[in-house]
Amino acid sequence: MGMIVVGLMQRFPNVRLVPIDASLAALSAQLAVALRLLGADSLYIATAHRLGVSLITLDREQRDRSVTSVTAFTPEESLQ
């Protein structure tokens, strides 16, 4: 079932799946320590940073702590 969902997600024009390689994992770990975040939260920030895009999230902690690495918005803010 999981692979079916991944296949469907890949068909959306604005969805990009990013592999977690050693370099991205290392950046994520550095950000986790520097920003005092959980590993999963830092991975989203590291990915946005690596791609040079804004982070769109409902997670207040991600938004508040990511300000030195990426620009972060709520979904509502991103539509304004």
N, C-alpha and C. Protein backbone atom coordinates (compact mmCIF):
# COMPACT_ATOMS: atom_id res chain seq x y z
N MET A 1 0.82 -1.20 0.00
CA MET A 1 0.00 0.00 0.00
C MET A 1 0.86 1.26 0.00
N GLY A 2 1.95 1.24 0.78
CA GLY A 2 2.83 2.40 0.85
C GLY A 2 3.41 2.78 -0.50
N MET A 3 3.82 1.79 -1.28
CA MET A 3 4.39 2.08 -2.60
C MET A 3 3.33 2.62 -3.56
N ILE A 4 2.09 2.21 -3.37
CA ILE A 4 1.01 2.76 -4.20
C ILE A 4 0.86 4.25 -3.92
N VAL A 5 0.90 4.63 -2.64
CA VAL A 5 0.79 6.04 -2.26
C VAL A 5 1.96 6.83 -2.82
N VAL A 6 3.18 6.29 -2.71
CA VAL A 6 4.35 6.97 -3.27
C VAL A 6 4.19 7.16 -4.77
N GLY A 7 3.73 6.14 -5.45
CA GLY A 7 3.51 6.25 -6.90
C GLY A 7 2.49 7.32 -7.24
N LEU A 8 1.43 7.41 -6.46
CA LEU A 8 0.42 8.44 -6.70
C LEU A 8 0.99 9.83 -6.42
N MET A 9 1.76 9.96 -5.35
CA MET A 9 2.35 11.26 -5.01
C MET A 9 3.28 11.75 -6.10
N GLN A 10 4.01 10.84 -6.72
CA GLN A 10 4.97 11.23 -7.75
C GLN A 10 4.28 11.78 -8.99
N ARG A 11 3.01 11.54 -9.14
CA ARG A 11 2.27 12.04 -10.30
C ARG A 11 1.84 13.49 -10.15
N PHE A 12 1.86 14.02 -8.92
CA PHE A 12 1.49 15.41 -8.72
C PHE A 12 2.60 16.30 -9.27
N PRO A 13 2.25 17.32 -10.05
CA PRO A 13 3.28 18.15 -10.70
C PRO A 13 4.17 18.94 -9.74
N ASN A 14 3.68 19.28 -8.56
CA ASN A 14 4.45 20.10 -7.64
C ASN A 14 5.06 19.31 -6.49
N VAL A 15 5.07 18.00 -6.59
CA VAL A 15 5.66 17.16 -5.55
C VAL A 15 7.02 16.67 -6.02
N ARG A 16 7.99 16.82 -5.15
CA ARG A 16 9.35 16.36 -5.45
C ARG A 16 9.82 15.53 -4.28
N LEU A 17 10.13 14.27 -4.53
CA LEU A 17 10.67 13.41 -3.49
C LEU A 17 12.19 13.56 -3.48
N VAL A 18 12.74 13.81 -2.32
CA VAL A 18 14.18 14.07 -2.19
C VAL A 18 14.80 12.93 -1.41
N PRO A 19 15.77 12.23 -2.01
CA PRO A 19 16.43 11.14 -1.27
C PRO A 19 17.29 11.69 -0.14
N ILE A 20 17.32 10.96 0.95
CA ILE A 20 18.16 11.36 2.09
C ILE A 20 19.52 10.69 1.91
N ASP A 21 20.48 11.48 1.43
CA ASP A 21 21.83 10.96 1.27
C ASP A 21 22.67 11.38 2.48
N ALA A 22 23.91 10.97 2.50
CA ALA A 22 24.78 11.26 3.65
C ALA A 22 24.95 12.75 3.88
N SER A 23 25.04 13.52 2.82
CA SER A 23 25.23 14.96 2.93
C SER A 23 24.00 15.64 3.55
N LEU A 24 22.81 15.25 3.11
CA LEU A 24 21.59 15.83 3.66
C LEU A 24 21.40 15.39 5.12
N ALA A 25 21.73 14.15 5.41
CA ALA A 25 21.63 13.65 6.79
C ALA A 25 22.58 14.42 7.71
N ALA A 26 23.79 14.71 7.23
CA ALA A 26 24.75 15.45 8.04
C ALA A 26 24.27 16.88 8.28
N LEU A 27 23.74 17.53 7.25
CA LEU A 27 23.19 18.88 7.42
C LEU A 27 22.03 18.86 8.41
N SER A 28 21.18 17.86 8.30
CA SER A 28 20.05 17.73 9.21
C SER A 28 20.52 17.56 10.66
N ALA A 29 21.55 16.75 10.86
CA ALA A 29 22.09 16.55 12.21
C ALA A 29 22.67 17.84 12.76
N GLN A 30 23.39 18.59 11.93
CA GLN A 30 23.96 19.87 12.37
C GLN A 30 22.85 20.84 12.76
N LEU A 31 21.80 20.90 11.96
CA LEU A 31 20.69 21.79 12.27
C LEU A 31 19.94 21.35 13.52
N ALA A 32 19.81 20.04 13.71
CA ALA A 32 19.12 19.53 14.90
C ALA A 32 19.83 20.01 16.16
N VAL A 33 21.14 19.95 16.16
CA VAL A 33 21.92 20.40 17.31
C VAL A 33 21.85 21.92 17.45
N ALA A 34 22.09 22.62 16.36
CA ALA A 34 22.15 24.09 16.40
C ALA A 34 20.80 24.71 16.76
N LEU A 35 19.71 24.11 16.26
CA LEU A 35 18.39 24.71 16.45
C LEU A 35 17.58 24.02 17.54
N ARG A 36 18.18 23.03 18.18
CA ARG A 36 17.51 22.27 19.25
C ARG A 36 16.19 21.68 18.76
N LEU A 37 16.29 20.88 17.68
CA LEU A 37 15.12 20.26 17.07
C LEU A 37 15.25 18.75 17.07
N LEU A 38 14.11 18.08 16.94
CA LEU A 38 14.10 16.64 16.73
C LEU A 38 14.62 16.36 15.33
N GLY A 39 15.13 15.16 15.13
CA GLY A 39 15.72 14.79 13.85
C GLY A 39 14.78 14.96 12.67
N ALA A 40 13.54 14.52 12.81
CA ALA A 40 12.59 14.64 11.70
C ALA A 40 12.32 16.11 11.36
N ASP A 41 12.17 16.94 12.37
CA ASP A 41 11.93 18.37 12.12
C ASP A 41 13.13 19.00 11.42
N SER A 42 14.31 18.66 11.85
CA SER A 42 15.51 19.24 11.23
C SER A 42 15.68 18.75 9.79
N LEU A 43 15.19 17.57 9.48
CA LEU A 43 15.29 17.06 8.11
C LEU A 43 14.45 17.90 7.15
N TYR A 44 13.27 18.32 7.58
CA TYR A 44 12.45 19.19 6.73
C TYR A 44 13.16 20.52 6.49
N ILE A 45 13.76 21.07 7.53
CA ILE A 45 14.46 22.35 7.40
C ILE A 45 15.70 22.19 6.52
N ALA A 46 16.44 21.12 6.71
CA ALA A 46 17.63 20.86 5.90
C ALA A 46 17.26 20.71 4.44
N THR A 47 16.17 20.04 4.17
CA THR A 47 15.73 19.84 2.78
C THR A 47 15.34 21.17 2.14
N ALA A 48 14.58 21.98 2.85
CA ALA A 48 14.21 23.30 2.32
C ALA A 48 15.47 24.14 2.07
N HIS A 49 16.40 24.10 3.03
CA HIS A 49 17.66 24.85 2.89
C HIS A 49 18.43 24.37 1.66
N ARG A 50 18.57 23.07 1.52
CA ARG A 50 19.33 22.49 0.40
C ARG A 50 18.71 22.87 -0.94
N LEU A 51 17.37 22.88 -1.01
CA LEU A 51 16.69 23.18 -2.27
C LEU A 51 16.52 24.68 -2.50
N GLY A 52 16.79 25.49 -1.46
CA GLY A 52 16.64 26.94 -1.60
C GLY A 52 15.19 27.37 -1.70
N VAL A 53 14.32 26.67 -0.97
CA VAL A 53 12.89 26.99 -0.99
C VAL A 53 12.42 27.33 0.42
N SER A 54 11.25 27.92 0.50
CA SER A 54 10.65 28.21 1.80
C SER A 54 10.07 26.93 2.40
N LEU A 55 9.98 26.92 3.71
CA LEU A 55 9.37 25.80 4.43
C LEU A 55 7.93 26.19 4.74
N ILE A 56 7.00 25.37 4.33
CA ILE A 56 5.58 25.59 4.64
C ILE A 56 5.20 24.53 5.67
N THR A 57 4.82 24.98 6.86
CA THR A 57 4.55 24.05 7.94
C THR A 57 3.54 24.60 8.93
N LEU A 58 2.83 23.69 9.56
CA LEU A 58 1.93 24.07 10.66
C LEU A 58 2.65 23.97 12.00
N ASP A 59 3.86 23.44 11.99
CA ASP A 59 4.62 23.22 13.22
C ASP A 59 5.26 24.53 13.68
N ARG A 60 4.76 25.07 14.77
CA ARG A 60 5.25 26.36 15.27
C ARG A 60 6.74 26.29 15.63
N GLU A 61 7.16 25.20 16.25
CA GLU A 61 8.56 25.07 16.65
C GLU A 61 9.47 25.09 15.42
N GLN A 62 9.08 24.40 14.35
CA GLN A 62 9.87 24.45 13.12
C GLN A 62 9.97 25.88 12.59
N ARG A 63 8.85 26.57 12.55
CA ARG A 63 8.86 27.95 12.04
C ARG A 63 9.73 28.85 12.91
N ASP A 64 9.55 28.77 14.21
CA ASP A 64 10.27 29.66 15.12
C ASP A 64 11.77 29.40 15.12
N ARG A 65 12.16 28.16 15.07
CA ARG A 65 13.58 27.81 15.19
C ARG A 65 14.34 27.78 13.87
N SER A 66 13.63 27.83 12.77
CA SER A 66 14.31 27.72 11.47
C SER A 66 14.70 29.06 10.88
N VAL A 67 14.41 30.16 11.57
CA VAL A 67 14.59 31.49 10.99
C VAL A 67 16.01 31.78 10.52
N THR A 68 17.01 31.14 11.11
CA THR A 68 18.38 31.39 10.67
C THR A 68 18.78 30.55 9.47
N SER A 69 17.94 29.58 9.10
CA SER A 69 18.29 28.67 8.01
C SER A 69 17.42 28.83 6.77
N VAL A 70 16.11 29.01 6.98
CA VAL A 70 15.17 29.13 5.86
C VAL A 70 14.07 30.10 6.24
N THR A 71 13.33 30.54 5.24
CA THR A 71 12.12 31.31 5.48
C THR A 71 10.99 30.32 5.65
N ALA A 72 10.23 30.46 6.73
CA ALA A 72 9.15 29.51 7.01
C ALA A 72 7.82 30.23 7.13
N PHE A 73 6.80 29.61 6.60
CA PHE A 73 5.45 30.16 6.62
C PHE A 73 4.45 29.08 7.04
N THR A 74 3.30 29.53 7.53
CA THR A 74 2.17 28.63 7.67
C THR A 74 1.56 28.50 6.27
N PRO A 75 0.73 27.50 6.04
CA PRO A 75 0.08 27.41 4.72
C PRO A 75 -0.72 28.68 4.40
N GLU A 76 -1.39 29.24 5.40
CA GLU A 76 -2.17 30.45 5.16
C GLU A 76 -1.28 31.63 4.76
N GLU A 77 -0.16 31.79 5.46
CA GLU A 77 0.77 32.87 5.14
C GLU A 77 1.34 32.72 3.73
N SER A 78 1.57 31.50 3.32
CA SER A 78 2.17 31.28 2.00
C SER A 78 1.22 31.64 0.86
N LEU A 79 -0.07 31.71 1.15
CA LEU A 79 -1.05 32.05 0.12
C LEU A 79 -1.29 33.55 0.00
N GLN A 80 -0.74 34.33 0.89
CA GLN A 80 -0.97 35.79 0.86
C GLN A 80 -0.03 36.47 -0.10
